[in-house]
Protein backbone atom coordinates (compact mmCIF):
# COMPACT_ATOMS: atom_id res chain seq x y z
CA MET A 1 124.47 79.84 -48.88
CA ASP A 2 121.03 81.48 -49.41
CA ASN A 3 119.53 77.91 -48.92
CA GLU A 4 121.46 77.68 -45.74
CA ARG A 5 119.84 80.80 -44.43
CA THR A 6 116.31 79.83 -45.16
CA GLY A 7 116.57 76.08 -44.61
CA GLY A 8 115.95 75.62 -40.93
CA PHE A 9 118.75 74.18 -38.61
CA GLU A 10 119.71 71.29 -40.42
CA GLY A 11 123.47 70.54 -39.63
CA TRP A 12 123.48 73.01 -36.83
CA THR A 13 123.95 72.23 -33.13
CA ILE A 14 122.26 74.23 -30.42
CA LEU A 15 123.67 73.99 -26.93
CA PHE A 16 121.65 74.87 -23.69
CA ASP A 17 122.69 75.28 -20.06
CA LEU A 18 120.40 73.44 -17.79
CA ASP A 19 119.77 75.12 -14.39
CA GLY A 20 117.87 78.41 -15.02
CA THR A 21 117.96 77.98 -18.64
CA LEU A 22 115.97 74.81 -19.41
CA VAL A 23 114.50 74.23 -15.94
CA ASP A 24 113.55 76.42 -12.83
CA THR A 25 115.39 74.10 -10.52
CA ALA A 26 115.32 76.50 -7.70
CA PRO A 27 112.45 75.13 -5.66
CA ASP A 28 114.23 71.90 -5.24
CA LEU A 29 117.64 73.19 -4.79
CA LEU A 30 116.65 75.38 -2.33
CA GLY A 31 114.62 72.78 -0.49
CA ALA A 32 117.87 70.62 -0.31
CA LEU A 33 119.64 73.43 1.26
CA ASN A 34 117.17 74.21 3.82
CA HIS A 35 116.95 70.41 4.64
CA VAL A 36 120.71 70.65 5.62
CA LEU A 37 120.56 73.94 7.40
CA THR A 38 117.43 73.10 9.43
CA ALA A 39 119.16 69.61 10.52
CA MET A 40 121.88 71.82 11.80
CA ASP A 41 119.28 73.92 14.02
CA LEU A 42 119.83 76.79 11.72
CA ASP A 43 117.19 78.77 10.08
CA ALA A 44 115.99 78.16 6.71
CA VAL A 45 116.94 80.90 3.95
CA SER A 46 115.07 82.36 0.96
CA LEU A 47 115.73 81.92 -2.78
CA GLU A 48 117.15 85.48 -2.95
CA THR A 49 119.87 84.59 -0.29
CA ILE A 50 121.54 82.01 -2.67
CA ALA A 51 119.96 82.44 -6.29
CA GLU A 52 123.21 83.46 -7.84
CA MET A 53 125.00 80.57 -6.42
CA ILE A 54 122.74 78.05 -7.98
CA GLY A 55 125.02 77.82 -11.19
CA HIS A 56 128.06 77.24 -8.76
CA GLY A 57 127.09 73.89 -7.39
CA ALA A 58 125.79 72.50 -3.96
CA ARG A 59 128.79 73.55 -1.88
CA ALA A 60 128.77 77.24 -2.91
CA MET A 61 124.86 77.23 -1.87
CA ILE A 62 125.73 75.68 1.57
CA GLU A 63 128.56 78.08 2.03
CA THR A 64 126.38 80.95 1.34
CA GLY A 65 123.29 79.69 3.44
CA LEU A 66 125.83 79.41 6.32
CA LYS A 67 127.59 82.54 5.70
CA ALA A 68 124.27 84.39 5.72
CA GLN A 69 123.73 83.07 9.38
CA GLY A 70 127.32 83.75 10.49
CA SER A 71 128.28 80.01 10.41
CA VAL A 72 131.13 78.20 9.04
CA LEU A 73 131.80 74.45 8.91
CA SER A 74 135.10 72.29 9.08
CA ALA A 75 136.04 70.54 5.95
CA ALA A 76 134.81 67.28 7.27
CA ASP A 77 131.46 68.75 8.30
CA MET A 78 131.24 70.46 4.91
CA ASP A 79 131.55 67.09 3.31
CA ALA A 80 128.78 65.65 5.52
CA ALA A 81 126.78 68.36 4.55
CA PHE A 82 127.25 68.06 1.10
CA GLU A 83 126.34 64.31 1.19
CA ARG A 84 122.88 65.31 2.97
CA PHE A 85 122.12 67.94 0.41
CA ILE A 86 123.01 65.46 -2.50
CA ALA A 87 120.83 62.67 -0.87
CA HIS A 88 117.80 64.86 -0.32
CA TYR A 89 118.03 66.43 -3.71
CA VAL A 90 118.36 63.15 -5.62
CA ALA A 91 115.14 62.00 -3.76
CA ASN A 92 113.08 65.32 -4.47
CA ILE A 93 114.94 66.42 -7.91
CA ALA A 94 111.66 67.04 -9.66
CA VAL A 95 109.14 67.72 -6.91
CA GLY A 96 108.90 71.68 -7.73
CA SER A 97 111.32 71.78 -10.67
CA ARG A 98 109.77 72.48 -14.07
CA PRO A 99 110.81 73.56 -17.66
CA PHE A 100 110.27 77.25 -18.15
CA GLU A 101 107.32 78.19 -20.04
CA GLY A 102 107.45 77.72 -23.81
CA THR A 103 110.77 75.40 -23.38
CA VAL A 104 109.05 72.34 -24.86
CA GLU A 105 107.57 73.99 -27.73
CA ALA A 106 110.80 75.64 -28.70
CA LEU A 107 112.82 72.31 -28.39
CA GLU A 108 110.33 70.44 -30.58
CA ASN A 109 110.32 73.51 -33.20
CA LEU A 110 114.22 73.23 -33.46
CA ARG A 111 114.17 69.33 -33.84
CA ALA A 112 111.62 69.63 -36.37
CA GLN A 113 113.92 71.93 -38.31
CA GLY A 114 116.83 69.68 -38.00
CA ALA A 115 118.68 70.87 -35.21
CA THR A 116 121.08 68.74 -33.05
CA LEU A 117 120.24 69.78 -29.54
CA ALA A 118 122.58 69.15 -26.61
CA VAL A 119 122.85 70.07 -22.98
CA CYS A 120 125.94 71.38 -21.51
CA THR A 121 125.87 72.04 -17.72
CA ASN A 122 128.00 72.27 -14.71
CA LYS A 123 125.44 70.06 -12.93
CA ARG A 124 126.78 66.57 -12.15
CA GLN A 125 126.20 64.08 -15.19
CA ASP A 126 123.97 61.71 -12.94
CA LEU A 127 121.97 64.55 -11.52
CA SER A 128 121.34 66.05 -15.04
CA VAL A 129 120.38 62.65 -16.64
CA ARG A 130 117.98 62.16 -13.85
CA LEU A 131 116.28 65.58 -13.69
CA ILE A 132 115.91 65.69 -17.39
CA GLY A 133 114.36 62.25 -17.47
CA GLU A 134 111.98 62.91 -14.62
CA LEU A 135 110.81 65.87 -16.55
CA GLY A 136 110.19 63.97 -19.79
CA LEU A 137 112.66 65.93 -21.67
CA ALA A 138 115.22 63.28 -22.61
CA GLY A 139 113.85 62.62 -26.20
CA HIS A 140 114.70 66.13 -26.98
CA PHE A 141 118.39 65.83 -26.48
CA ASP A 142 121.16 64.03 -28.44
CA VAL A 143 123.76 64.73 -25.81
CA ILE A 144 123.83 65.47 -21.94
CA PHE A 145 127.27 66.54 -20.91
CA GLY A 146 127.62 67.25 -17.23
CA ALA A 147 130.52 68.96 -15.57
CA ASP A 148 132.21 65.88 -14.24
CA ARG A 149 132.55 64.62 -17.87
CA ALA A 150 134.45 67.73 -18.99
CA THR A 151 138.15 68.04 -19.04
CA ASN A 152 137.57 71.62 -17.85
CA ARG A 153 134.12 72.80 -16.85
CA LYS A 154 132.36 76.02 -18.03
CA PRO A 155 133.54 78.76 -18.54
CA HIS A 156 136.36 76.81 -20.08
CA SER A 157 135.98 76.17 -23.79
CA ASP A 158 136.78 72.48 -23.27
CA HIS A 159 133.27 71.84 -21.94
CA ILE A 160 131.87 73.43 -24.96
CA PHE A 161 133.96 71.59 -27.44
CA GLU A 162 133.78 68.11 -25.97
CA THR A 163 129.91 68.37 -25.62
CA LEU A 164 129.94 69.41 -29.51
CA ALA A 165 132.25 66.55 -30.28
CA GLU A 166 129.96 63.88 -28.70
CA ALA A 167 127.06 65.65 -30.55
CA GLY A 168 128.98 65.34 -33.78
CA GLY A 169 128.73 69.16 -34.21
CA ASP A 170 130.72 71.68 -35.97
CA PRO A 171 131.74 74.63 -33.86
CA ALA A 172 131.34 76.87 -36.79
CA ARG A 173 127.68 75.79 -36.80
CA ALA A 174 126.84 75.84 -33.21
CA LEU A 175 124.94 78.22 -30.87
CA PHE A 176 124.68 78.65 -27.20
CA VAL A 177 121.70 79.36 -24.90
CA GLY A 178 122.18 80.16 -20.96
CA ASP A 179 121.43 82.26 -18.15
CA SER A 180 124.61 83.32 -16.57
CA ARG A 181 127.84 85.06 -16.85
CA THR A 182 129.65 81.56 -16.81
CA ASP A 183 127.67 80.53 -19.87
CA GLU A 184 128.56 83.83 -21.75
CA ARG A 185 132.20 83.31 -21.10
CA ALA A 186 132.07 79.73 -22.07
CA ALA A 187 130.43 80.67 -25.40
CA ARG A 188 132.88 83.39 -26.00
CA ASN A 189 135.91 81.18 -25.15
CA ALA A 190 134.66 78.79 -27.53
CA GLY A 191 133.93 81.36 -30.31
CA LEU A 192 129.89 80.68 -30.23
CA PRO A 193 127.23 83.13 -30.75
CA PHE A 194 125.28 83.61 -27.34
CA VAL A 195 121.95 83.90 -26.35
CA PHE A 196 120.95 84.91 -22.80
CA VAL A 197 117.75 84.18 -21.05
CA THR A 198 116.68 86.76 -18.41
CA PHE A 199 114.42 84.23 -16.51
CA GLY A 200 117.38 82.56 -15.01
CA TYR A 201 119.46 83.20 -12.02
CA GLU A 202 122.04 85.70 -12.97
CA ALA A 203 122.40 88.65 -10.91
CA GLU A 204 124.22 90.68 -13.49
CA THR A 205 121.96 92.70 -15.82
CA PRO A 206 121.40 91.83 -19.43
CA GLU A 207 123.23 94.89 -20.43
CA ALA A 208 126.24 93.83 -18.50
CA ILE A 209 126.13 90.25 -19.88
CA ALA A 210 126.07 91.88 -23.49
CA ALA A 211 124.97 88.74 -25.29
CA ASP A 212 124.44 88.48 -28.95
CA VAL A 213 120.86 88.30 -28.24
CA THR A 214 118.74 88.68 -25.16
CA ILE A 215 115.24 86.86 -24.68
CA SER A 216 112.64 87.03 -22.03
CA HIS A 217 110.51 84.14 -22.92
CA TYR A 218 111.01 80.63 -25.10
CA ALA A 219 108.58 81.99 -27.66
CA GLN A 220 111.42 84.27 -28.82
CA LEU A 221 113.96 81.66 -28.95
CA VAL A 222 113.75 80.24 -32.39
CA GLN A 223 113.61 83.46 -34.06
CA ALA A 224 116.75 84.60 -32.09
CA LEU A 225 118.85 81.38 -33.02
CA SER A 226 117.54 81.92 -36.65
CA GLY A 227 119.08 85.21 -36.74
CA LEU A 228 122.36 84.24 -35.36
CA LYS A 229 122.49 81.33 -37.67
CA ASP A 230 121.82 83.72 -40.60
CA GLN A 231 124.55 86.14 -39.50
CA ALA A 232 127.12 83.18 -38.95
CA VAL A 233 126.24 81.78 -42.53
CA ALA A 234 126.72 85.41 -43.92
CA SER A 235 130.12 85.88 -41.94
CA PRO A 236 131.43 82.58 -41.42
CA ARG A 237 134.26 82.22 -38.91
CA GLY A 238 137.64 80.96 -39.95
CA ARG A 239 136.96 80.85 -43.65
């Protein structure tokens, strides 16, 4: 057991949320939303208006942008707005989006120490794969598991367990990194230790989220995960 606690991350799986955790996708999501709004002769909105909706999908962002201007759409018009949003977003998915500072270095460090890395995101699978590919991050991950592949998406534990199963991981040797209450609940539902990153899009405070560890920069990630791993080895679940 002492060797486990000092031997890196061999045999461990680290799961990451995508938007707001690995990548700052807000610029391109906001661009797609404002493309939709201005096409309807409405005003563009600021990031502050829709930031906390980013993890809830395009429809939630569109509805929030409309509500801010006292506007609503019929179901048919909402479907059309959604399609315009997706078309614009796909064409501009990595124009302004970038990995957060220190992300690549942390991923390289974890893989060098033997970790299996997976993305567990409420973003659609095709969009997730495209974004990660265009940003040159695909080689860092063993699995990308989008919301439309999950039996039940985050915060349901199914999404976590199905991602782990595809990665060949053991829930007793897995850790989760995310930026939202949805991520925190998913981790808790699956019984995984949770690292909260403060640079994402969550409106709740770090104190309210009450993660196992909170970090403000990716330079802190490997040490945070190592500490959680050692705690899990010292006090194994279900043994």
